[in-house]
Amino acid sequence: MVQPEEIRIMLNAEAKKTVWMPLVDKGLILPLRLPPELEDDARPVVDLRVTKNAPGWPLPVELTLPAVQPHLENFVAAIRGAQRLSDPIGQSYANLVGIEGALRSARERRTIDFQPQDFVA
């Protein structure tokens, strides 16, 4: 799903009209789908792995890979000169830093603390 960082951007009437709906009209994304509400008895009591489903603009394709994998493959291919970078360089770098940190955290079984400057190339 394509999800802006803040829901208010997604649900803002002007943004919806000028940004999202043209993409829906072109068939590049599907109409906004809000997550279903869970019944009170279906809510987990305590489970830090479960977060509320985010609303999103579902892509009209089914990904068979983790959503971040095509971005990583593109980033590595761009570094090797085999492809053009498909995302802005700053965003690609920040994504890679976050993923590398998550992998390092899992490997070392410890929390990785980031600083804002870690995400600047």
Protein backbone atom coordinates (compact mmCIF):
# COMPACT_ATOMS: atom_id res chain seq x y z
CA MET A 1 0.00 0.00 0.00
CA VAL A 2 1.09 3.53 -0.59
CA GLN A 3 0.77 5.38 2.68
CA PRO A 4 1.75 8.98 3.25
CA GLU A 5 3.49 9.62 6.55
CA GLU A 6 0.53 11.48 8.00
CA ILE A 7 -3.10 10.52 7.63
CA ARG A 8 -4.25 14.14 7.45
CA ILE A 9 -2.43 14.49 4.13
CA MET A 10 -4.28 11.49 2.77
CA LEU A 11 -7.70 12.61 3.95
CA ASN A 12 -7.26 16.33 3.22
CA ALA A 13 -9.92 17.19 0.61
CA GLU A 14 -7.60 19.31 -1.56
CA ALA A 15 -4.80 16.72 -1.48
CA LYS A 16 -7.28 13.97 -2.27
CA LYS A 17 -8.59 15.93 -5.29
CA THR A 18 -5.24 17.04 -6.68
CA VAL A 19 -2.88 14.22 -5.68
CA TRP A 20 -4.68 10.97 -5.01
CA MET A 21 -7.73 10.97 -7.27
CA PRO A 22 -5.75 11.59 -10.50
CA LEU A 23 -3.73 8.47 -9.67
CA VAL A 24 -6.93 6.53 -8.99
CA ASP A 25 -8.42 7.79 -12.27
CA LYS A 26 -5.33 6.57 -14.17
CA GLY A 27 -5.60 3.14 -12.51
CA LEU A 28 -2.19 3.51 -10.83
CA ILE A 29 -3.64 3.08 -7.34
CA LEU A 30 -6.97 1.85 -6.04
CA PRO A 31 -9.45 4.04 -4.14
CA LEU A 32 -8.77 4.74 -0.47
CA ARG A 33 -9.58 1.79 1.74
CA LEU A 34 -10.00 2.39 5.44
CA PRO A 35 -9.13 -0.52 7.73
CA PRO A 36 -12.03 -2.43 9.23
CA GLU A 37 -12.84 -1.66 12.82
CA LEU A 38 -12.27 -4.55 15.17
CA GLU A 39 -14.92 -5.62 17.65
CA ASP A 40 -13.92 -4.93 21.25
CA ASP A 41 -13.60 -8.65 22.01
CA ALA A 42 -11.33 -9.11 18.97
CA ARG A 43 -8.77 -6.58 20.16
CA PRO A 44 -5.58 -8.05 21.62
CA VAL A 45 -5.10 -7.37 25.31
CA VAL A 46 -1.34 -6.88 25.07
CA ASP A 47 0.69 -7.59 21.97
CA LEU A 48 3.37 -5.14 20.95
CA ARG A 49 3.60 -6.74 17.53
CA VAL A 50 0.08 -5.69 16.61
CA THR A 51 -0.67 -2.14 15.58
CA LYS A 52 -3.84 -0.63 14.21
CA ASN A 53 -4.17 -1.19 10.50
CA ALA A 54 -3.30 1.97 8.62
CA PRO A 55 -5.55 3.28 5.88
CA GLY A 56 -3.89 3.21 2.51
CA TRP A 57 -4.15 3.48 -1.22
CA PRO A 58 -3.74 -0.16 -2.30
CA LEU A 59 -1.70 -0.80 -5.43
CA PRO A 60 -3.60 -2.64 -8.18
CA VAL A 61 -0.97 -5.40 -8.20
CA GLU A 62 -0.05 -8.14 -5.79
CA LEU A 63 3.55 -8.00 -4.60
CA THR A 64 5.20 -11.38 -4.20
CA LEU A 65 8.22 -9.83 -2.47
CA PRO A 66 8.49 -7.77 0.70
CA ALA A 67 7.42 -4.24 -0.25
CA VAL A 68 10.86 -2.79 0.40
CA GLN A 69 12.77 -5.36 -1.69
CA PRO A 70 12.26 -3.73 -5.10
CA HIS A 71 13.50 -0.43 -3.63
CA LEU A 72 16.61 -2.09 -2.21
CA GLU A 73 17.32 -3.92 -5.45
CA ASN A 74 16.93 -0.67 -7.39
CA PHE A 75 19.23 1.17 -4.96
CA VAL A 76 21.96 -1.48 -5.25
CA ALA A 77 21.59 -1.65 -9.05
CA ALA A 78 21.85 2.14 -9.25
CA ILE A 79 25.05 2.11 -7.20
CA ARG A 80 26.46 -0.49 -9.61
CA GLY A 81 25.43 1.65 -12.58
CA ALA A 82 22.98 -0.94 -13.94
CA GLN A 83 19.79 1.14 -13.44
CA ARG A 84 18.62 4.64 -12.77
CA LEU A 85 17.49 5.35 -9.24
CA SER A 86 13.69 5.23 -9.11
CA ASP A 87 13.31 7.18 -5.85
CA PRO A 88 14.86 10.49 -4.77
CA ILE A 89 18.41 9.79 -3.57
CA GLY A 90 17.79 11.17 -0.08
CA GLN A 91 14.74 8.97 0.42
CA SER A 92 16.54 5.91 -0.95
CA TYR A 93 19.46 6.48 1.39
CA ALA A 94 17.21 7.04 4.41
CA ASN A 95 15.29 3.82 3.60
CA LEU A 96 18.51 1.85 3.35
CA VAL A 97 19.79 3.25 6.66
CA GLY A 98 16.57 2.22 8.41
CA ILE A 99 16.61 -1.27 6.94
CA GLU A 100 20.27 -1.76 7.72
CA GLY A 101 19.58 -0.68 11.30
CA ALA A 102 16.69 -3.13 11.63
CA LEU A 103 18.85 -5.98 10.30
CA ARG A 104 21.72 -5.02 12.63
CA SER A 105 19.29 -4.85 15.56
CA ALA A 106 17.99 -8.35 14.80
CA ARG A 107 21.50 -9.74 14.26
CA GLU A 108 22.93 -8.20 17.44
CA ARG A 109 19.71 -8.65 19.44
CA ARG A 110 19.82 -5.07 20.69
CA THR A 111 18.12 -1.74 20.15
CA ILE A 112 19.63 0.53 17.53
CA ASP A 113 19.19 4.22 18.23
CA PHE A 114 19.13 6.55 15.24
CA GLN A 115 19.99 10.22 15.11
CA PRO A 116 18.52 12.56 12.46
CA GLN A 117 21.96 12.96 10.86
CA ASP A 118 22.12 9.17 10.29
CA PHE A 119 19.58 9.59 7.50
CA VAL A 120 21.45 12.28 5.57
CA ALA A 121 23.78 11.09 2.82
